[in-house]
């Protein structure tokens, strides 16, 4: 089973800056991709797995929504890597969403993911 088959939610490329605060770090790294259940943040300032983080960013097309997310670090990628097919991935951390504020933002994320398509 591939990692794509294991995913619960479809993800899309995010390609924008996000602000996050963990236990040790306040950073504005690059968000790589997002789904209704989480996101991957490319950063050198990696928090430990299970660390609670708060994320803030704007999302949407013409009408931007400011979204605040409470999450936890689900997994980390401690260094840049390249898989067998040549796809490169930056170091960073996978964030699992615990709560999205406002609650209506979950609908916006889901609509955008469906509109853009899978990553």
PDB file of N, CA and C in Angstrom:
ATOM      1  N   UNK A   1       0.850  -1.183   0.000  1.00  0.00           N
ATOM      2  CA  UNK A   1       0.000   0.000   0.000  1.00  0.00           C
ATOM      3  C   UNK A   1       0.890   1.238   0.000  1.00  0.00           C
ATOM      4  N   UNK A   2       0.621   2.175  -0.897  1.00  0.00           N
ATOM      5  CA  UNK A   2       1.417   3.399  -0.968  1.00  0.00           C
ATOM      6  C   UNK A   2       0.942   4.405   0.070  1.00  0.00           C
ATOM      7  N   UNK A   3       1.765   5.443   0.294  1.00  0.00           N
ATOM      8  CA  UNK A   3       1.369   6.483   1.246  1.00  0.00           C
ATOM      9  C   UNK A   3       0.109   7.194   0.770  1.00  0.00           C
ATOM     10  N   UNK A   4      -0.068   7.323  -0.555  1.00  0.00           N
ATOM     11  CA  UNK A   4      -1.274   7.960  -1.083  1.00  0.00           C
ATOM     12  C   UNK A   4      -2.508   7.136  -0.742  1.00  0.00           C
ATOM     13  N   UNK A   5      -2.404   5.800  -0.791  1.00  0.00           N
ATOM     14  CA  UNK A   5      -3.539   4.943  -0.485  1.00  0.00           C
ATOM     15  C   UNK A   5      -3.885   4.992   0.992  1.00  0.00           C
ATOM     16  N   UNK A   6      -2.914   5.291   1.850  1.00  0.00           N
ATOM     17  CA  UNK A   6      -3.138   5.355   3.283  1.00  0.00           C
ATOM     18  C   UNK A   6      -3.791   6.662   3.706  1.00  0.00           C
ATOM     19  N   UNK A   7      -3.739   7.677   2.860  1.00  0.00           N
ATOM     20  CA  UNK A   7      -4.256   8.995   3.230  1.00  0.00           C
ATOM     21  C   UNK A   7      -5.763   8.975   3.381  1.00  0.00           C
ATOM     22  N   UNK A   8      -6.217   9.609   4.449  1.00  0.00           N
ATOM     23  CA  UNK A   8      -7.649   9.715   4.712  1.00  0.00           C
ATOM     24  C   UNK A   8      -8.272  10.846   3.893  1.00  0.00           C
ATOM     25  N   UNK A   9      -7.500  11.935   3.671  1.00  0.00           N
ATOM     26  CA  UNK A   9      -7.990  13.112   2.959  1.00  0.00           C
ATOM     27  C   UNK A   9      -7.123  13.413   1.749  1.00  0.00           C
ATOM     28  N   UNK A  10      -7.750  13.909   0.689  1.00  0.00           N
ATOM     29  CA  UNK A  10      -7.015  14.350  -0.490  1.00  0.00           C
ATOM     30  C   UNK A  10      -6.236  15.604  -0.111  1.00  0.00           C
ATOM     31  N   UNK A  11      -5.024  15.735  -0.620  1.00  0.00           N
ATOM     32  CA  UNK A  11      -4.218  16.921  -0.317  1.00  0.00           C
ATOM     33  C   UNK A  11      -3.894  17.681  -1.595  1.00  0.00           C
ATOM     34  N   UNK A  12      -3.602  18.962  -1.433  1.00  0.00           N
ATOM     35  CA  UNK A  12      -3.223  19.818  -2.559  1.00  0.00           C
ATOM     36  C   UNK A  12      -2.009  20.651  -2.162  1.00  0.00           C
ATOM     37  N   UNK A  13      -1.313  21.143  -3.173  1.00  0.00           N
ATOM     38  CA  UNK A  13      -0.170  22.020  -2.909  1.00  0.00           C
ATOM     39  C   UNK A  13      -0.664  23.320  -2.301  1.00  0.00           C
ATOM     40  N   UNK A  14       0.027  23.786  -1.291  1.00  0.00           N
ATOM     41  CA  UNK A  14      -0.348  25.024  -0.617  1.00  0.00           C
ATOM     42  C   UNK A  14       0.529  26.170  -1.113  1.00  0.00           C
ATOM     43  N   UNK A  15       1.848  25.958  -1.106  1.00  0.00           N
ATOM     44  CA  UNK A  15       2.805  26.896  -1.679  1.00  0.00           C
ATOM     45  C   UNK A  15       2.654  28.326  -1.157  1.00  0.00           C
ATOM     46  N   UNK A  16       2.652  28.482   0.164  1.00  0.00           N
ATOM     47  CA  UNK A  16       2.609  29.823   0.748  1.00  0.00           C
ATOM     48  C   UNK A  16       3.210  29.798   2.151  1.00  0.00           C
ATOM     49  N   UNK A  17       3.498  30.986   2.635  1.00  0.00           N
ATOM     50  CA  UNK A  17       4.036  31.130   3.986  1.00  0.00           C
ATOM     51  C   UNK A  17       2.929  30.917   5.004  1.00  0.00           C
ATOM     52  N   UNK A  18       3.293  30.268   6.101  1.00  0.00           N
ATOM     53  CA  UNK A  18       2.384  30.106   7.231  1.00  0.00           C
ATOM     54  C   UNK A  18       3.142  30.531   8.480  1.00  0.00           C
ATOM     55  N   UNK A  19       2.427  30.977   9.471  1.00  0.00           N
ATOM     56  CA  UNK A  19       3.034  31.318  10.755  1.00  0.00           C
ATOM     57  C   UNK A  19       2.673  30.218  11.730  1.00  0.00           C
ATOM     58  N   UNK A  20       3.675  29.704  12.441  1.00  0.00           N
ATOM     59  CA  UNK A  20       3.356  28.700  13.444  1.00  0.00           C
ATOM     60  C   UNK A  20       4.160  28.934  14.700  1.00  0.00           C
ATOM     61  N   UNK A  21       3.577  28.507  15.803  1.00  0.00           N
ATOM     62  CA  UNK A  21       4.266  28.574  17.083  1.00  0.00           C
ATOM     63  C   UNK A  21       4.145  27.214  17.750  1.00  0.00           C
ATOM     64  N   UNK A  22       5.302  26.674  18.127  1.00  0.00           N
ATOM     65  CA  UNK A  22       5.359  25.416  18.855  1.00  0.00           C
ATOM     66  C   UNK A  22       5.909  25.665  20.243  1.00  0.00           C
ATOM     67  N   UNK A  23       6.505  24.651  20.832  1.00  0.00           N
ATOM     68  CA  UNK A  23       7.089  24.818  22.174  1.00  0.00           C
ATOM     69  C   UNK A  23       8.336  25.672  22.142  1.00  0.00           C
ATOM     70  N   UNK A  24       9.162  25.501  21.090  1.00  0.00           N
ATOM     71  CA  UNK A  24      10.448  26.183  21.038  1.00  0.00           C
ATOM     72  C   UNK A  24      10.515  27.301  20.013  1.00  0.00           C
ATOM     73  N   UNK A  25       9.615  27.302  19.061  1.00  0.00           N
ATOM     74  CA  UNK A  25       9.819  28.103  17.867  1.00  0.00           C
ATOM     75  C   UNK A  25       8.595  28.942  17.515  1.00  0.00           C
ATOM     76  N   UNK A  26       8.850  30.162  17.079  1.00  0.00           N
ATOM     77  CA  UNK A  26       7.870  30.980  16.374  1.00  0.00           C
ATOM     78  C   UNK A  26       8.502  31.207  15.014  1.00  0.00           C
ATOM     79  N   UNK A  27       7.866  30.740  13.950  1.00  0.00           N
ATOM     80  CA  UNK A  27       8.499  30.720  12.645  1.00  0.00           C
ATOM     81  C   UNK A  27       7.474  31.069  11.567  1.00  0.00           C
ATOM     82  N   UNK A  28       7.958  31.471  10.411  1.00  0.00           N
ATOM     83  CA  UNK A  28       7.107  31.713   9.250  1.00  0.00           C
ATOM     84  C   UNK A  28       7.649  30.903   8.074  1.00  0.00           C
ATOM     85  N   UNK A  29       7.521  29.595   8.143  1.00  0.00           N
ATOM     86  CA  UNK A  29       8.061  28.735   7.088  1.00  0.00           C
ATOM     87  C   UNK A  29       7.103  28.631   5.901  1.00  0.00           C
ATOM     88  N   UNK A  30       7.439  27.748   5.004  1.00  0.00           N
ATOM     89  CA  UNK A  30       6.688  27.520   3.776  1.00  0.00           C
ATOM     90  C   UNK A  30       5.749  26.327   3.965  1.00  0.00           C
ATOM     91  N   UNK A  31       4.456  26.528   3.749  1.00  0.00           N
ATOM     92  CA  UNK A  31       3.507  25.422   3.750  1.00  0.00           C
ATOM     93  C   UNK A  31       3.575  24.733   2.400  1.00  0.00           C
ATOM     94  N   UNK A  32       3.816  23.443   2.377  1.00  0.00           N
ATOM     95  CA  UNK A  32       3.967  22.707   1.125  1.00  0.00           C
ATOM     96  C   UNK A  32       2.644  22.169   0.596  1.00  0.00           C
ATOM     97  N   UNK A  33       1.870  21.518   1.467  1.00  0.00           N
ATOM     98  CA  UNK A  33       0.587  20.977   1.033  1.00  0.00           C
ATOM     99  C   UNK A  33      -0.374  20.940   2.208  1.00  0.00           C
ATOM    100  N   UNK A  34      -1.661  20.793   1.880  1.00  0.00           N
ATOM    101  CA  UNK A  34      -2.700  20.831   2.903  1.00  0.00           C
ATOM    102  C   UNK A  34      -3.839  19.897   2.516  1.00  0.00           C
ATOM    103  N   UNK A  35      -4.500  19.367   3.512  1.00  0.00           N
ATOM    104  CA  UNK A  35      -5.722  18.588   3.321  1.00  0.00           C
ATOM    105  C   UNK A  35      -6.667  18.992   4.442  1.00  0.00           C
ATOM    106  N   UNK A  36      -7.833  18.415   4.459  1.00  0.00           N
ATOM    107  CA  UNK A  36      -8.775  18.720   5.518  1.00  0.00           C
ATOM    108  C   UNK A  36      -8.252  18.243   6.874  1.00  0.00           C
ATOM    109  N   UNK A  37      -7.369  17.252   6.871  1.00  0.00           N
ATOM    110  CA  UNK A  37      -6.875  16.691   8.126  1.00  0.00           C
ATOM    111  C   UNK A  37      -5.520  17.170   8.589  1.00  0.00           C
ATOM    112  N   UNK A  38      -4.768  17.869   7.719  1.00  0.00           N
ATOM    113  CA  UNK A  38      -3.443  18.303   8.137  1.00  0.00           C
ATOM    114  C   UNK A  38      -2.676  18.992   7.027  1.00  0.00           C
ATOM    115  N   UNK A  39      -1.413  19.264   7.306  1.00  0.00           N
ATOM    116  CA  UNK A  39      -0.567  19.927   6.329  1.00  0.00           C
ATOM    117  C   UNK A  39       0.899  19.554   6.565  1.00  0.00           C
ATOM    118  N   UNK A  40       1.711  19.756   5.535  1.00  0.00           N
ATOM    119  CA  UNK A  40       3.154  19.594   5.670  1.00  0.00           C
ATOM    120  C   UNK A  40       3.780  20.968   5.617  1.00  0.00           C
ATOM    121  N   UNK A  41       4.641  21.261   6.598  1.00  0.00           N
ATOM    122  CA  UNK A  41       5.346  22.531   6.666  1.00  0.00           C
ATOM    123  C   UNK A  41       6.833  22.274   6.455  1.00  0.00           C
ATOM    124  N   UNK A  42       7.392  22.886   5.419  1.00  0.00           N
ATOM    125  CA  UNK A  42       8.824  22.781   5.148  1.00  0.00           C
ATOM    126  C   UNK A  42       9.541  23.792   6.032  1.00  0.00           C
ATOM    127  N   UNK A  43      10.410  23.309   6.913  1.00  0.00           N
ATOM    128  CA  UNK A  43      11.111  24.194   7.841  1.00  0.00           C
ATOM    129  C   UNK A  43      12.379  23.546   8.364  1.00  0.00           C
ATOM    130  N   UNK A  44      13.338  24.373   8.727  1.00  0.00           N
ATOM    131  CA  UNK A  44      14.542  23.891   9.408  1.00  0.00           C
ATOM    132  C   UNK A  44      14.309  23.786  10.911  1.00  0.00           C
ATOM    133  N   UNK A  45      13.283  24.465  11.411  1.00  0.00           N
ATOM    134  CA  UNK A  45      12.980  24.506  12.843  1.00  0.00           C
ATOM    135  C   UNK A  45      11.928  23.457  13.181  1.00  0.00           C
ATOM    136  N   UNK A  46      12.330  22.218  13.184  1.00  0.00           N
ATOM    137  CA  UNK A  46      11.412  21.101  13.366  1.00  0.00           C
ATOM    138  C   UNK A  46      11.152  20.858  14.849  1.00  0.00           C
ATOM    139  N   UNK A  47       9.883  20.764  15.194  1.00  0.00           N
ATOM    140  CA  UNK A  47       9.474  20.433  16.558  1.00  0.00           C
ATOM    141  C   UNK A  47       9.438  18.915  16.702  1.00  0.00           C
ATOM    142  N   UNK A  48       9.445  18.437  17.926  1.00  0.00           N
ATOM    143  CA  UNK A  48       9.392  16.994  18.198  1.00  0.00           C
ATOM    144  C   UNK A  48       7.991  16.460  17.905  1.00  0.00           C
ATOM    145  N   UNK A  49       7.880  15.181  17.500  1.00  0.00           N
ATOM    146  CA  UNK A  49       6.560  14.580  17.316  1.00  0.00           C
ATOM    147  C   UNK A  49       5.710  14.747  18.578  1.00  0.00           C
ATOM    148  N   UNK A  50       4.416  14.920  18.366  1.00  0.00           N
ATOM    149  CA  UNK A  50       3.396  15.120  19.395  1.00  0.00           C
ATOM    150  C   UNK A  50       3.409  16.513  20.019  1.00  0.00           C
ATOM    151  N   UNK A  51       4.291  17.414  19.552  1.00  0.00           N
ATOM    152  CA  UNK A  51       4.294  18.788  20.046  1.00  0.00           C
ATOM    153  C   UNK A  51       3.051  19.495  19.526  1.00  0.00           C
ATOM    154  N   UNK A  52       2.362  20.222  20.391  1.00  0.00           N
ATOM    155  CA  UNK A  52       1.207  21.019  19.977  1.00  0.00           C
ATOM    156  C   UNK A  52       1.719  22.282  19.305  1.00  0.00           C
ATOM    157  N   UNK A  53       1.083  22.664  18.199  1.00  0.00           N
ATOM    158  CA  UNK A  53       1.452  23.866  17.466  1.00  0.00           C
ATOM    159  C   UNK A  53       0.196  24.666  17.137  1.00  0.00           C
ATOM    160  N   UNK A  54       0.371  25.963  17.006  1.00  0.00           N
ATOM    161  CA  UNK A  54      -0.683  26.855  16.537  1.00  0.00           C
ATOM    162  C   UNK A  54      -0.223  27.432  15.208  1.00  0.00           C
ATOM    163  N   UNK A  55      -1.108  27.377  14.215  1.00  0.00           N
ATOM    164  CA  UNK A  55      -0.776  27.804  12.857  1.00  0.00           C
ATOM    165  C   UNK A  55      -1.753  28.891  12.438  1.00  0.00           C
ATOM    166  N   UNK A  56      -1.248  29.903  11.742  1.00  0.00           N
ATOM    167  CA  UNK A  56      -2.076  30.984  11.238  1.00  0.00           C
ATOM    168  C   UNK A  56      -1.680  31.254   9.793  1.00  0.00           C
ATOM    169  N   UNK A  57      -2.671  31.329   8.895  1.00  0.00           N
ATOM    170  CA  UNK A  57      -2.392  31.676   7.509  1.00  0.00           C
ATOM    171  C   UNK A  57      -3.680  32.109   6.820  1.00  0.00           C
ATOM    172  N   UNK A  58      -3.548  32.653   5.618  1.00  0.00           N
ATOM    173  CA  UNK A  58      -4.696  33.024   4.802  1.00  0.00           C
ATOM    174  C   UNK A  58      -4.863  31.975   3.729  1.00  0.00           C
ATOM    175  N   UNK A  59      -6.114  31.679   3.410  1.00  0.00           N
ATOM    176  CA  UNK A  59      -6.404  30.626   2.460  1.00  0.00           C
ATOM    177  C   UNK A  59      -7.587  31.045   1.606  1.00  0.00           C
ATOM    178  N   UNK A  60      -7.581  30.665   0.365  1.00  0.00           N
ATOM    179  CA  UNK A  60      -8.712  30.946  -0.515  1.00  0.00           C
ATOM    180  C   UNK A  60      -8.282  31.716  -1.737  1.00  0.00           C
ATOM    181  N   UNK A  61      -9.186  31.818  -2.686  1.00  0.00           N
ATOM    182  CA  UNK A  61      -8.914  32.508  -3.937  1.00  0.00           C
ATOM    183  C   UNK A  61      -9.069  33.998  -3.800  1.00  0.00           C
ATOM    184  N   UNK A  62     -10.098  34.553  -4.436  1.00  0.00           N
ATOM    185  CA  UNK A  62     -10.325  35.999  -4.396  1.00  0.00           C
ATOM    186  C   UNK A  62     -10.716  36.470  -3.004  1.00  0.00           C
ATOM    187  N   UNK A  63     -11.493  35.654  -2.302  1.00  0.00           N
ATOM    188  CA  UNK A  63     -11.917  36.011  -0.946  1.00  0.00           C
ATOM    189  C   UNK A  63     -11.048  35.233   0.042  1.00  0.00           C
ATOM    190  N   UNK A  64     -10.075  35.908   0.617  1.00  0.00           N
ATOM    191  CA  UNK A  64      -9.147  35.264   1.550  1.00  0.00           C
ATOM    192  C   UNK A  64      -9.814  35.047   2.902  1.00  0.00           C
ATOM    193  N   UNK A  65      -9.545  33.900   3.493  1.00  0.00           N
ATOM    194  CA  UNK A  65     -10.001  33.594   4.840  1.00  0.00           C
ATOM    195  C   UNK A  65      -8.783  33.481   5.737  1.00  0.00           C
ATOM    196  N   UNK A  66      -8.803  34.157   6.869  1.00  0.00           N
ATOM    197  CA  UNK A  66      -7.750  34.019   7.856  1.00  0.00           C
ATOM    198  C   UNK A  66      -8.098  32.803   8.703  1.00  0.00           C
ATOM    199  N   UNK A  67      -7.185  31.859   8.776  1.00  0.00           N
ATOM    200  CA  UNK A  67      -7.464  30.593   9.435  1.00  0.00           C
ATOM    201  C   UNK A  67      -6.447  30.352  10.539  1.00  0.00           C
ATOM    202  N   UNK A  68      -6.943  29.996  11.709  1.00  0.00           N
ATOM    203  CA  UNK A  68      -6.093  29.615  12.831  1.00  0.00           C
ATOM    204  C   UNK A  68      -6.345  28.132  13.097  1.00  0.00           C
ATOM    205  N   UNK A  69      -5.270  27.386  13.242  1.00  0.00           N
ATOM    206  CA  UNK A  69      -5.381  25.940  13.427  1.00  0.00           C
ATOM    207  C   UNK A  69      -4.594  25.512  14.652  1.00  0.00           C
ATOM    208  N   UNK A  70      -5.226  24.707  15.473  1.00  0.00           N
ATOM    209  CA  UNK A  70      -4.522  24.025  16.551  1.00  0.00           C
ATOM    210  C   UNK A  70      -4.189  22.643  16.003  1.00  0.00           C
ATOM    211  N   UNK A  71      -2.926  22.257  16.141  1.00  0.00           N
ATOM    212  CA  UNK A  71      -2.514  20.964  15.608  1.00  0.00           C
ATOM    213  C   UNK A  71      -1.452  20.327  16.470  1.00  0.00           C
ATOM    214  N   UNK A  72      -0.981  19.179  15.995  1.00  0.00           N
ATOM    215  CA  UNK A  72       0.126  18.505  16.653  1.00  0.00           C
ATOM    216  C   UNK A  72       1.052  17.962  15.581  1.00  0.00           C
ATOM    217  N   UNK A  73       2.332  17.895  15.903  1.00  0.00           N
ATOM    218  CA  UNK A  73       3.307  17.339  14.971  1.00  0.00           C
ATOM    219  C   UNK A  73       3.086  15.827  14.935  1.00  0.00           C
ATOM    220  N   UNK A  74       2.638  15.329  13.790  1.00  0.00           N
ATOM    221  CA  UNK A  74       2.351  13.899  13.635  1.00  0.00           C
ATOM    222  C   UNK A  74       3.608  13.127  13.244  1.00  0.00           C
ATOM    223  N   UNK A  75       4.470  13.741  12.426  1.00  0.00           N
ATOM    224  CA  UNK A  75       5.708  13.095  11.972  1.00  0.00           C
ATOM    225  C   UNK A  75       6.678  14.174  11.508  1.00  0.00           C
ATOM    226  N   UNK A  76       7.938  13.793  11.435  1.00  0.00           N
ATOM    227  CA  UNK A  76       8.958  14.746  10.980  1.00  0.00           C
ATOM    228  C   UNK A  76       9.791  14.135   9.861  1.00  0.00           C
ATOM    229  N   UNK A  77      10.340  15.009   9.052  1.00  0.00           N
ATOM    230  CA  UNK A  77      11.308  14.627   8.033  1.00  0.00           C
ATOM    231  C   UNK A  77      12.550  15.454   8.330  1.00  0.00           C
ATOM    232  N   UNK A  78      13.532  14.869   9.048  1.00  0.00           N
ATOM    233  CA  UNK A  78      14.665  15.646   9.562  1.00  0.00           C
ATOM    234  C   UNK A  78      15.657  16.151   8.520  1.00  0.00           C
ATOM    235  N   UNK A  79      15.570  15.662   7.279  1.00  0.00           N
ATOM    236  CA  UNK A  79      16.480  16.154   6.240  1.00  0.00           C
ATOM    237  C   UNK A  79      15.796  16.072   4.882  1.00  0.00           C
ATOM    238  N   UNK A  80      16.304  16.854   3.933  1.00  0.00           N
ATOM    239  CA  UNK A  80      15.796  16.785   2.566  1.00  0.00           C
ATOM    240  C   UNK A  80      15.978  15.359   2.062  1.00  0.00           C
ATOM    241  N   UNK A  81      15.047  14.897   1.230  1.00  0.00           N
ATOM    242  CA  UNK A  81      15.170  13.536   0.716  1.00  0.00           C
ATOM    243  C   UNK A  81      14.666  13.452  -0.714  1.00  0.00           C
ATOM    244  N   UNK A  82      15.061  12.391  -1.387  1.00  0.00           N
ATOM    245  CA  UNK A  82      14.598  12.095  -2.738  1.00  0.00           C
ATOM    246  C   UNK A  82      14.211  10.625  -2.773  1.00  0.00           C
ATOM    247  N   UNK A  83      12.998  10.340  -3.289  1.00  0.00           N
ATOM    248  CA  UNK A  83      12.564   8.943  -3.346  1.00  0.00           C
ATOM    249  C   UNK A  83      13.073   8.273  -4.616  1.00  0.00           C
ATOM    250  N   UNK A  84      12.742   7.006  -4.792  1.00  0.00           N
ATOM    251  CA  UNK A  84      13.231   6.207  -5.912  1.00  0.00           C
ATOM    252  C   UNK A  84      12.817   6.783  -7.268  1.00  0.00           C
ATOM    253  N   UNK A  85      11.692   7.473  -7.323  1.00  0.00           N
ATOM    254  CA  UNK A  85      11.224   8.044  -8.587  1.00  0.00           C
ATOM    255  C   UNK A  85      11.808   9.432  -8.868  1.00  0.00           C
ATOM    256  N   UNK A  86      12.670   9.919  -7.953  1.00  0.00           N
ATOM    257  CA  UNK A  86      13.317  11.213  -8.152  1.00  0.00           C
ATOM    258  C   UNK A  86      12.559  12.391  -7.572  1.00  0.00           C
ATOM    259  N   UNK A  87      11.447  12.141  -6.897  1.00  0.00           N
ATOM    260  CA  UNK A  87      10.671  13.215  -6.269  1.00  0.00           C
ATOM    261  C   UNK A  87      11.390  13.670  -5.006  1.00  0.00           C
ATOM    262  N   UNK A  88      11.712  14.965  -4.944  1.00  0.00           N
ATOM    263  CA  UNK A  88      12.422  15.475  -3.768  1.00  0.00           C
ATOM    264  C   UNK A  88      11.431  16.082  -2.782  1.00  0.00           C
ATOM    265  N   UNK A  89      11.743  15.943  -1.508  1.00  0.00           N
ATOM    266  CA  UNK A  89      10.929  16.495  -0.422  1.00  0.00           C
ATOM    267  C   UNK A  89      11.839  17.243   0.537  1.00  0.00           C
ATOM    268  N   UNK A  90      11.425  18.448   0.928  1.00  0.00           N
ATOM    269  CA  UNK A  90      12.248  19.217   1.874  1.00  0.00           C
ATOM    270  C   UNK A  90      12.075  18.696   3.296  1.00  0.00           C
ATOM    271  N   UNK A  91      13.012  19.067   4.160  1.00  0.00           N
ATOM    272  CA  UNK A  91      12.840  18.706   5.564  1.00  0.00           C
ATOM    273  C   UNK A  91      11.707  19.518   6.143  1.00  0.00           C
ATOM    274  N   UNK A  92      11.067  18.963   7.152  1.00  0.00           N
ATOM    275  CA  UNK A  92       9.944  19.663   7.756  1.00  0.00           C
ATOM    276  C   UNK A  92       9.136  18.743   8.640  1.00  0.00           C
ATOM    277  N   UNK A  93       7.846  19.077   8.808  1.00  0.00           N
ATOM    278  CA  UNK A  93       7.005  18.288   9.709  1.00  0.00           C
ATOM    279  C   UNK A  93       5.579  18.215   9.198  1.00  0.00           C
ATOM    280  N   UNK A  94       4.981  17.064   9.425  1.00  0.00           N
ATOM    281  CA  UNK A  94       3.588  16.834   9.095  1.00  0.00           C
ATOM    282  C   UNK A  94       2.744  17.199  10.305  1.00  0.00           C
ATOM    283  N   UNK A  95       1.770  18.059  10.100  1.00  0.00           N
ATOM    284  CA  UNK A  95       0.908  18.528  11.178  1.00  0.00           C
ATOM    285  C   UNK A  95      -0.479  17.916  11.027  1.00  0.00           C
ATOM    286  N   UNK A  96      -0.967  17.329  12.088  1.00  0.00           N
ATOM    287  CA  UNK A  96      -2.338  16.828  12.118  1.00  0.00           C
ATOM    288  C   UNK A  96      -3.205  17.903  12.759  1.00  0.00           C
ATOM    289  N   UNK A  97      -4.299  18.276  12.092  1.00  0.00           N
ATOM    290  CA  UNK A  97      -5.190  19.298  12.630  1.00  0.00           C
ATOM    291  C   UNK A  97      -5.994  18.733  13.792  1.00  0.00           C
ATOM    292  N   UNK A  98      -6.062  19.494  14.875  1.00  0.00           N
ATOM    293  CA  UNK A  98      -6.910  19.152  16.015  1.00  0.00           C
ATOM    294  C   UNK A  98      -8.177  19.995  15.954  1.00  0.00           C
ATOM    295  N   UNK A  99      -8.015  21.304  15.719  1.00  0.00           N
ATOM    296  CA  UNK A  99      -9.161  22.215  15.643  1.00  0.00           C
ATOM    297  C   UNK A  99      -8.843  23.340  14.679  1.00  0.00           C
ATOM    298  N   UNK A 100      -9.814  23.673  13.827  1.00  0.00           N
ATOM    299  CA  UNK A 100      -9.678  24.758  12.867  1.00  0.00           C
ATOM    300  C   UNK A 100     -10.621  25.880  13.286  1.00  0.00           C
ATOM    301  N   UNK A 101     -10.115  27.131  13.306  1.00  0.00           N
ATOM    302  CA  UNK A 101     -10.930  28.295  13.671  1.00  0.00           C
ATOM    303  C   UNK A 101     -10.931  29.284  12.516  1.00  0.00           C
ATOM    304  N   UNK A 102     -11.988  29.877  12.110  1.00  0.00           N
ATOM    305  CA  UNK A 102     -13.336  29.517  12.537  1.00  0.00           C
ATOM    306  C   UNK A 102     -13.723  28.159  11.972  1.00  0.00           C
ATOM    307  N   UNK A 103     -14.736  27.557  12.538  1.00  0.00           N
ATOM    308  CA  UNK A 103     -15.159  26.229  12.086  1.00  0.00           C
ATOM    309  C   UNK A 103     -15.534  26.230  10.612  1.00  0.00           C
ATOM    310  N   UNK A 104     -16.024  27.351  10.112  1.00  0.00           N
ATOM    311  CA  UNK A 104     -16.382  27.452   8.694  1.00  0.00           C
ATOM    312  C   UNK A 104     -15.153  27.329   7.791  1.00  0.00           C
ATOM    313  N   UNK A 105     -13.960  27.541   8.350  1.00  0.00           N
ATOM    314  CA  UNK A 105     -12.732  27.432   7.551  1.00  0.00           C
ATOM    315  C   UNK A 105     -12.525  26.003   7.069  1.00  0.00           C
ATOM    316  N   UNK A 106     -12.971  25.020   7.824  1.00  0.00           N
ATOM    317  CA  UNK A 106     -12.850  23.627   7.386  1.00  0.00           C
ATOM    318  C   UNK A 106     -13.556  23.432   6.059  1.00  0.00           C
ATOM    319  N   UNK A 107     -14.710  24.071   5.902  1.00  0.00           N
ATOM    320  CA  UNK A 107     -15.449  23.986   4.644  1.00  0.00           C
ATOM    321  C   UNK A 107     -14.639  24.624   3.522  1.00  0.00           C
ATOM    322  N   UNK A 108     -14.005  25.777   3.782  1.00  0.00           N
ATOM    323  CA  UNK A 108     -13.187  26.449   2.777  1.00  0.00           C
ATOM    324  C   UNK A 108     -12.010  25.590   2.353  1.00  0.00           C
ATOM    325  N   UNK A 109     -11.350  24.959   3.310  1.00  0.00           N
ATOM    326  CA  UNK A 109     -10.213  24.084   3.003  1.00  0.00           C
ATOM    327  C   UNK A 109     -10.685  22.919   2.147  1.00  0.00           C
ATOM    328  N   UNK A 110     -11.780  22.298   2.542  1.00  0.00           N
ATOM    329  CA  UNK A 110     -12.306  21.153   1.805  1.00  0.00           C
ATOM    330  C   UNK A 110     -12.704  21.544   0.387  1.00  0.00           C
ATOM    331  N   UNK A 111     -13.374  22.683   0.216  1.00  0.00           N
ATOM    332  CA  UNK A 111     -13.772  23.141  -1.118  1.00  0.00           C
ATOM    333  C   UNK A 111     -12.548  23.411  -1.988  1.00  0.00           C
ATOM    334  N   UNK A 112     -11.530  24.040  -1.430  1.00  0.00           N
ATOM    335  CA  UNK A 112     -10.320  24.341  -2.191  1.00  0.00           C
ATOM    336  C   UNK A 112      -9.597  23.061  -2.599  1.00  0.00           C
ATOM    337  N   UNK A 113      -9.517  22.103  -1.691  1.00  0.00           N
ATOM    338  CA  UNK A 113      -8.864  20.826  -2.001  1.00  0.00           C
ATOM    339  C   UNK A 113      -9.604  20.139  -3.143  1.00  0.00           C
ATOM    340  N   UNK A 114     -10.927  20.117  -3.082  1.00  0.00           N
ATOM    341  CA  UNK A 114     -11.710  19.484  -4.146  1.00  0.00           C
ATOM    342  C   UNK A 114     -11.586  20.233  -5.463  1.00  0.00           C
ATOM    343  N   UNK A 115     -11.522  21.568  -5.420  1.00  0.00           N
ATOM    344  CA  UNK A 115     -11.423  22.373  -6.622  1.00  0.00           C
ATOM    345  C   UNK A 115     -10.058  22.227  -7.281  1.00  0.00           C
ATOM    346  N   UNK A 116      -8.994  22.257  -6.494  1.00  0.00           N
ATOM    347  CA  UNK A 116      -7.637  22.191  -7.028  1.00  0.00           C
ATOM    348  C   UNK A 116      -7.283  20.797  -7.499  1.00  0.00           C
ATOM    349  N   UNK A 117      -7.727  19.787  -6.755  1.00  0.00           N
ATOM    350  CA  UNK A 117      -7.391  18.412  -7.083  1.00  0.00           C
ATOM    351  C   UNK A 117      -6.270  17.911  -6.222  1.00  0.00           C
ATOM    352  N   UNK A 118      -5.908  16.669  -6.361  1.00  0.00           N
ATOM    353  CA  UNK A 118      -4.899  16.036  -5.507  1.00  0.00           C
ATOM    354  C   UNK A 118      -3.492  16.439  -5.815  1.00  0.00           C
ATOM    355  N   UNK A 119      -2.628  16.338  -4.794  1.00  0.00           N
ATOM    356  CA  UNK A 119      -1.201  16.640  -4.968  1.00  0.00           C
ATOM    357  C   UNK A 119      -0.406  15.366  -4.909  1.00  0.00           C
TER     358      UNK A 119
END
